[in-house]
C-alpha cells in the first residue's frame, strides 16, 4: 500500500497509532501539527514532520498549510486524527488531495450534541431526555425540571465543562459558572445510570468496514480514562451501521453511550479518531483506510491498552 498519507494533529494520541499502522503497511506517512512537541511528530514511523498554523487560531492558514504540504509532498490522502479535520472539511475546496472525512455539514450534525440528539430521534435511537438552553436563566429553569441531571455545552469534549447534581462530579460547578449562548447552547439531560462504553469505526461510502466497541477499565471517578478494554456489543454495531449507511459516511467515527439494564442509550458522537485505534490489530486500520476491505473487521473483546500520555498531561489534546 504505497500511498502518500498526511496525518494532522500529531499531538492527539490516536495520531501515533495511525502513523505506526500506516507506515508498517507500506504507506509513506507525513504528519503535521502547530505544536513542535507533539509526540507523533517525533515517531520513527513518520517520514517527514511539519509545523503548521493552528486550526483553532488560524483555520484558513491551517487549511492553506495542509494544502501546501499536499502539493509539495505529493500527498494522496489526508487523514485528520482530531478536530482539525472539521476545519479541513469546512475548507475542503482549498485541499488538493482526498480528505478522509465526511462533508462539513455531516460533521456539524454529529458534533453538535443538540443536533445529534435530534438526529437520533429521527432514526428512532434512544437518547437521554434533553432540553437545550441558550442562557443562564434558561439553564437554571431546565435543571430544576430533572431530579438528576447532567448539563454540558453542545460543543464540548472530554467532560472538561460539566454541570451535574448526581454522581462523582456532583457540585463540581454551579449554574453561575456556566455561560450558555445562542452560538454555543447547552444540553440539560436526564442522568442515565449505567456503564460507560464507546465505539470507534471506519466507514467507506456508508459501509462500516472496521469496528471496535470498548469500555474504560481504569478511570478517575467521573473523569478521564487512561485504560480501555474492547467489548462485544452487537446492539451498538447495528446503530453505528445504521447511522453510517444513512449518511453515506466516509471516515473515522466514534460514539459514547451508556449500557443500562434496559438497553443502550446514545450520549454523543465524535466524527474523528479516538482511543479505539490502539485496540485494533496491526494492519487493520491501514486496510480500512487505504486498502480494499471486503467485509467487516470487528475487534474481539478482551484487548486492553493504556494511555500513559494522559497520566502526564490530560490536556495534551487541547
Protein backbone atom coordinates (compact mmCIF):
# COMPACT_ATOMS: atom_id res chain seq x y z
CA UNK A 1 0.00 0.00 0.00
CA UNK A 2 2.47 2.64 -1.18
CA UNK A 3 0.17 5.60 -0.56
CA UNK A 4 1.47 9.02 0.47
CA UNK A 5 -0.56 9.97 3.56
CA UNK A 6 -0.63 13.15 5.62
CA UNK A 7 -1.92 12.95 9.20
CA UNK A 8 -2.96 16.12 11.03
CA UNK A 9 -2.93 16.88 14.77
CA UNK A 10 0.15 14.96 15.82
CA UNK A 11 -0.41 15.81 19.47
CA UNK A 12 -3.51 13.62 19.61
CA UNK A 13 -2.65 10.16 20.93
CA UNK A 14 -4.53 8.45 18.09
CA UNK A 15 -2.16 10.00 15.56
CA UNK A 16 0.74 7.93 16.83
CA UNK A 17 -1.20 4.69 16.48
CA UNK A 18 -2.28 5.64 12.96
CA UNK A 19 1.23 6.61 11.91
CA UNK A 20 2.67 3.30 13.11
CA UNK A 21 -0.02 1.22 11.45
CA UNK A 22 0.06 3.03 8.12
CA UNK A 23 3.85 3.02 7.95
CA UNK A 24 4.04 -0.70 8.76
CA UNK A 25 1.66 -1.33 5.87
CA UNK A 26 3.94 0.44 3.39
CA UNK A 27 2.47 3.94 3.32
CA UNK A 28 4.74 6.97 3.39
CA UNK A 29 3.49 8.97 6.37
CA UNK A 30 3.85 12.71 6.89
CA UNK A 31 2.38 14.35 9.97
CA UNK A 32 1.60 17.96 10.86
CA UNK A 33 0.77 19.98 13.96
CA UNK A 34 1.16 23.50 15.28
CA UNK A 35 2.87 22.21 18.44
CA UNK A 36 6.51 21.18 17.94
CA UNK A 37 6.49 18.78 20.91
CA UNK A 38 3.56 16.76 19.61
CA UNK A 39 4.54 13.12 20.24
CA UNK A 40 3.73 11.72 16.80
CA UNK A 41 5.90 14.32 15.05
CA UNK A 42 8.93 12.51 16.51
CA UNK A 43 7.90 8.95 15.69
CA UNK A 44 10.22 6.72 13.66
CA UNK A 45 7.14 5.77 11.65
CA UNK A 46 6.93 9.29 10.19
CA UNK A 47 8.83 10.16 7.01
CA UNK A 48 8.56 13.94 7.50
CA UNK A 49 7.04 16.21 10.15
CA UNK A 50 5.63 19.68 9.57
CA UNK A 51 4.89 22.63 11.87
CA UNK A 52 1.80 24.45 10.63
CA UNK A 53 -0.75 27.04 11.68
CA UNK A 54 -3.18 26.23 14.48
CA UNK A 55 -6.59 25.04 13.24
CA UNK A 56 -8.41 26.87 16.03
CA UNK A 57 -6.27 30.01 16.00
CA UNK A 58 -5.89 30.37 12.22
CA UNK A 59 -8.24 27.97 10.41
CA UNK A 60 -7.65 29.39 6.94
CA UNK A 61 -3.89 29.40 7.47
CA UNK A 62 -4.14 25.84 8.74
CA UNK A 63 -6.02 24.70 5.63
CA UNK A 64 -3.57 26.52 3.34
CA UNK A 65 -0.59 24.96 5.11
CA UNK A 66 -2.09 21.49 4.71
CA UNK A 67 -2.76 22.23 1.03
CA UNK A 68 0.84 23.40 0.53
CA UNK A 69 2.23 20.23 2.12
CA UNK A 70 -0.09 18.11 0.00
CA UNK A 71 1.26 19.73 -3.19
CA UNK A 72 4.91 19.72 -2.14
CA UNK A 73 4.89 16.13 -0.88
CA UNK A 74 2.57 14.58 -3.49
CA UNK A 75 0.09 13.64 -0.78
CA UNK A 76 -2.70 11.38 -1.99
CA UNK A 77 -4.77 11.09 1.20
CA UNK A 78 -5.17 13.41 4.20
CA UNK A 79 -6.34 11.69 7.38
CA UNK A 80 -7.39 14.05 10.18
CA UNK A 81 -6.79 12.49 13.59
CA UNK A 82 -8.69 15.04 15.67
CA UNK A 83 -10.92 18.09 15.36
CA UNK A 84 -8.58 19.82 12.94
CA UNK A 85 -10.38 17.69 10.41
CA UNK A 86 -13.51 19.74 11.00
CA UNK A 87 -11.72 22.81 9.68
CA UNK A 88 -10.32 20.92 6.71
CA UNK A 89 -13.81 19.74 5.80
CA UNK A 90 -15.06 23.32 6.03
CA UNK A 91 -12.31 24.49 3.66
CA UNK A 92 -12.28 21.36 1.51
CA UNK A 93 -12.22 23.46 -1.67
CA UNK A 94 -8.66 24.54 -0.74
CA UNK A 95 -7.35 20.99 -0.33
CA UNK A 96 -5.76 19.34 -3.44
CA UNK A 97 -5.94 15.78 -2.09
CA UNK A 98 -8.60 13.36 -0.92
CA UNK A 99 -9.76 14.09 2.62
CA UNK A 100 -10.66 11.01 4.66
CA UNK A 101 -13.61 12.67 6.32
CA UNK A 102 -17.27 13.38 5.57
CA UNK A 103 -18.61 16.72 4.29
CA UNK A 104 -18.68 19.56 6.81
CA UNK A 105 -22.49 19.58 7.13
CA UNK A 106 -22.45 15.96 8.28
CA UNK A 107 -19.72 16.75 10.80
CA UNK A 108 -21.83 19.65 12.15
CA UNK A 109 -24.87 17.43 12.54
CA UNK A 110 -22.93 14.84 14.52
CA UNK A 111 -20.53 17.03 16.52
CA UNK A 112 -23.21 19.44 17.77
CA UNK A 113 -24.64 17.47 20.69
CA UNK A 114 -28.05 19.13 20.37
CA UNK A 115 -28.34 18.36 16.67
CA UNK A 116 -27.09 14.84 17.31
CA UNK A 117 -29.93 14.22 19.76
CA UNK A 118 -32.43 15.46 17.15
CA UNK A 119 -30.86 13.20 14.53
CA UNK A 120 -31.04 10.17 16.82
CA UNK A 121 -34.71 10.87 17.46
CA UNK A 122 -35.35 10.93 13.70
CA UNK A 123 -33.75 7.47 13.41
CA UNK A 124 -35.51 6.08 16.48
CA UNK A 125 -32.29 5.81 18.51
CA UNK A 126 -32.67 6.24 22.26
CA UNK A 127 -31.01 9.24 23.95
CA UNK A 128 -31.50 10.85 27.39
CA UNK A 129 -34.44 13.21 27.83
CA UNK A 130 -32.96 16.52 26.70
CA UNK A 131 -33.61 20.26 26.95
CA UNK A 132 -31.49 22.77 25.01
CA UNK A 133 -30.88 26.21 26.56
CA UNK A 134 -29.10 29.35 25.40
CA UNK A 135 -28.92 31.47 28.56
CA UNK A 136 -28.04 31.10 32.21
CA UNK A 137 -31.64 31.75 33.28
CA UNK A 138 -32.90 29.07 30.92
CA UNK A 139 -30.25 26.70 32.28
CA UNK A 140 -31.41 27.35 35.82
CA UNK A 141 -35.02 26.63 34.86
CA UNK A 142 -34.09 23.49 32.91
CA UNK A 143 -32.04 21.79 35.63
CA UNK A 144 -34.97 22.26 38.02
CA UNK A 145 -37.09 20.02 35.79
CA UNK A 146 -34.89 16.94 36.37
CA UNK A 147 -34.46 15.01 39.59
CA UNK A 148 -30.96 14.00 38.46
CA UNK A 149 -29.41 15.97 35.61
CA UNK A 150 -26.22 16.44 33.66
CA UNK A 151 -25.58 19.56 31.56
CA UNK A 152 -22.80 20.47 29.14
CA UNK A 153 -22.20 22.66 26.09
CA UNK A 154 -23.32 21.47 22.68
CA UNK A 155 -19.71 21.97 21.55
CA UNK A 156 -17.53 20.36 24.19
CA UNK A 157 -15.36 17.30 24.66
CA UNK A 158 -13.75 15.19 27.32
CA UNK A 159 -16.08 16.33 30.07
CA UNK A 160 -13.95 19.44 30.65
CA UNK A 161 -17.11 21.55 31.12
CA UNK A 162 -19.75 19.72 33.10
CA UNK A 163 -22.63 20.50 35.44
CA UNK A 164 -24.46 17.83 37.41
CA UNK A 165 -26.22 17.19 40.71
CA UNK A 166 -25.62 13.44 40.66
CA UNK A 167 -22.67 11.04 40.57
CA UNK A 168 -19.00 11.61 41.41
CA UNK A 169 -18.86 15.07 39.81
CA UNK A 170 -21.94 16.48 41.56
CA UNK A 171 -21.40 20.07 42.67
CA UNK A 172 -18.16 20.47 40.72
CA UNK A 173 -19.69 23.54 39.01
CA UNK A 174 -22.74 25.70 39.62
CA UNK A 175 -25.18 27.33 37.22
CA UNK A 176 -23.35 30.61 37.82
CA UNK A 177 -20.17 29.03 36.42
CA UNK A 178 -21.91 28.21 33.12
CA UNK A 179 -22.48 30.53 30.17
CA UNK A 180 -24.87 29.09 27.57
CA UNK A 181 -25.26 31.24 24.45
CA UNK A 182 -27.13 31.03 21.17
CA UNK A 183 -23.79 30.26 19.45
CA UNK A 184 -22.93 27.52 21.96
CA UNK A 185 -26.11 26.33 23.68
CA UNK A 186 -26.11 23.79 26.49
CA UNK A 187 -27.86 20.45 26.77
CA UNK A 188 -29.59 19.57 30.02
CA UNK A 189 -30.26 15.85 30.16
CA UNK A 190 -31.62 13.20 32.45
CA UNK A 191 -28.72 11.50 34.23
CA UNK A 192 -28.62 7.93 32.91
CA UNK A 193 -27.45 5.25 35.32
CA UNK A 194 -25.36 2.59 33.65
CA UNK A 195 -21.93 1.61 32.39
CA UNK A 196 -19.95 3.86 30.06
CA UNK A 197 -18.88 2.47 26.70
CA UNK A 198 -17.53 3.81 23.42
CA UNK A 199 -17.02 2.82 19.82
CA UNK A 200 -14.58 3.65 17.06
CA UNK A 201 -15.31 2.67 13.48
CA UNK A 202 -14.09 3.30 9.97
CA UNK A 203 -16.71 3.64 7.26
CA UNK A 204 -16.29 3.79 3.50
CA UNK A 205 -19.19 5.18 1.46
CA UNK A 206 -21.71 4.29 4.16
CA UNK A 207 -20.39 0.80 4.94
CA UNK A 208 -18.69 0.10 8.27
CA UNK A 209 -15.51 -1.80 7.44
CA UNK A 210 -13.75 -1.65 10.83
CA UNK A 211 -15.39 -1.53 14.25
CA UNK A 212 -14.36 -1.63 17.89
CA UNK A 213 -16.59 -1.29 20.96
CA UNK A 214 -14.73 -0.68 24.21
CA UNK A 215 -15.10 0.43 27.81
CA UNK A 216 -12.90 2.30 30.30
CA UNK A 217 -11.10 -0.19 32.53
CA UNK A 218 -9.05 2.35 34.51
CA UNK A 219 -10.60 5.78 35.03
CA UNK A 220 -10.79 8.61 37.53
CA UNK A 221 -14.25 8.80 39.15
CA UNK A 222 -16.39 10.66 36.64
CA UNK A 223 -13.31 11.79 34.74
CA UNK A 224 -10.65 10.80 32.26
CA UNK A 225 -9.95 7.20 31.36
CA UNK A 226 -6.37 6.00 30.95
CA UNK A 227 -7.02 2.37 30.04
CA UNK A 228 -9.61 0.85 27.71
CA UNK A 229 -10.70 -2.72 27.02
CA UNK A 230 -12.56 -3.95 23.95
CA UNK A 231 -16.01 -5.48 24.47
CA UNK A 232 -18.62 -7.34 22.43
CA UNK A 233 -21.81 -5.34 21.79
CA UNK A 234 -23.85 -6.26 18.72
CA UNK A 235 -26.57 -3.71 19.51
CA UNK A 236 -24.27 -0.71 19.20
CA UNK A 237 -22.78 -2.04 15.95
CA UNK A 238 -26.30 -2.10 14.49
CA UNK A 239 -26.76 1.56 15.45
CA UNK A 240 -23.35 2.63 14.12
CA UNK A 241 -24.05 0.83 10.86
CA UNK A 242 -27.49 2.45 10.52
CA UNK A 243 -26.06 5.96 11.02
CA UNK A 244 -23.15 5.46 8.61
CA UNK A 245 -25.48 4.00 6.00
CA UNK A 246 -27.97 6.84 6.37
CA UNK A 247 -25.25 9.49 5.97
CA UNK A 248 -23.20 7.63 3.34
CA UNK A 249 -20.36 8.25 5.77
CA UNK A 250 -16.65 8.01 4.94
CA UNK A 251 -14.03 8.44 7.66
CA UNK A 252 -13.47 7.65 11.30
CA UNK A 253 -16.47 7.90 13.62
CA UNK A 254 -16.83 7.27 17.35
CA UNK A 255 -19.73 7.21 19.78
CA UNK A 256 -20.09 7.43 23.55
CA UNK A 257 -23.02 5.58 25.02
CA UNK A 258 -24.27 4.09 28.26
CA UNK A 259 -25.33 0.48 28.79
CA UNK A 260 -28.33 0.24 31.07
CA UNK A 261 -30.48 -2.58 32.42
CA UNK A 262 -32.99 -1.98 29.61
CA UNK A 263 -30.68 -1.32 26.67
CA UNK A 264 -28.16 1.19 25.45
CA UNK A 265 -28.59 4.97 25.46
CA UNK A 266 -26.61 7.04 22.95
CA UNK A 267 -24.81 10.03 24.50
CA UNK A 268 -22.69 11.72 21.81
CA UNK A 269 -20.84 11.31 18.55
CA UNK A 270 -17.20 12.11 17.78
CA UNK A 271 -16.73 12.21 13.99
CA UNK A 272 -12.97 11.58 14.24
CA UNK A 273 -10.48 9.05 15.62
CA UNK A 274 -10.40 8.02 19.27
CA UNK A 275 -8.81 5.61 21.77
CA UNK A 276 -10.19 2.58 19.95
CA UNK A 277 -7.46 2.92 17.32
CA UNK A 278 -4.97 1.40 19.79
CA UNK A 279 -7.17 -1.65 20.31
CA UNK A 280 -7.18 -2.59 16.63
CA UNK A 281 -4.80 -5.34 15.45
CA UNK A 282 -1.84 -4.26 13.33
CA UNK A 283 -2.74 -3.69 9.72
CA UNK A 284 -6.47 -3.40 10.24
CA UNK A 285 -6.59 0.40 10.24
CA UNK A 286 -4.44 0.58 7.11
CA UNK A 287 -6.64 -1.95 5.35
CA UNK A 288 -9.75 0.01 6.31
CA UNK A 289 -8.36 3.41 5.29
CA UNK A 290 -6.13 2.79 2.26
CA UNK A 291 -6.77 -0.85 1.38
CA UNK A 292 -9.67 -2.65 -0.25
CA UNK A 293 -11.67 -4.16 2.61
CA UNK A 294 -14.17 -6.78 1.51
CA UNK A 295 -16.18 -7.03 4.71
CA UNK A 296 -16.37 -6.02 8.36
CA UNK A 297 -13.31 -6.30 10.59
CA UNK A 298 -14.52 -6.36 14.19
CA UNK A 299 -12.13 -6.21 17.16
CA UNK A 300 -12.57 -9.15 19.53
CA UNK A 301 -13.39 -8.47 23.19
CA UNK A 302 -10.78 -8.53 25.94
CA UNK A 303 -7.98 -6.44 24.40
CA UNK A 304 -6.66 -3.74 26.78
CA UNK A 305 -4.46 -0.73 26.12
CA UNK A 306 -3.34 2.14 28.33
CA UNK A 307 -2.77 5.85 27.62
CA UNK A 308 0.27 6.88 29.61
CA UNK A 309 0.20 10.32 27.96
CA UNK A 310 -2.96 11.19 29.89
CA UNK A 311 -1.15 10.43 33.13
CA UNK A 312 1.44 13.03 32.21
CA UNK A 313 -0.90 15.74 30.92
CA UNK A 314 -4.60 15.17 30.42
CA UNK A 315 -4.83 18.42 28.43
CA UNK A 316 -2.37 17.27 25.79
CA UNK A 317 -5.12 17.15 23.19
CA UNK A 318 -6.18 20.78 23.72
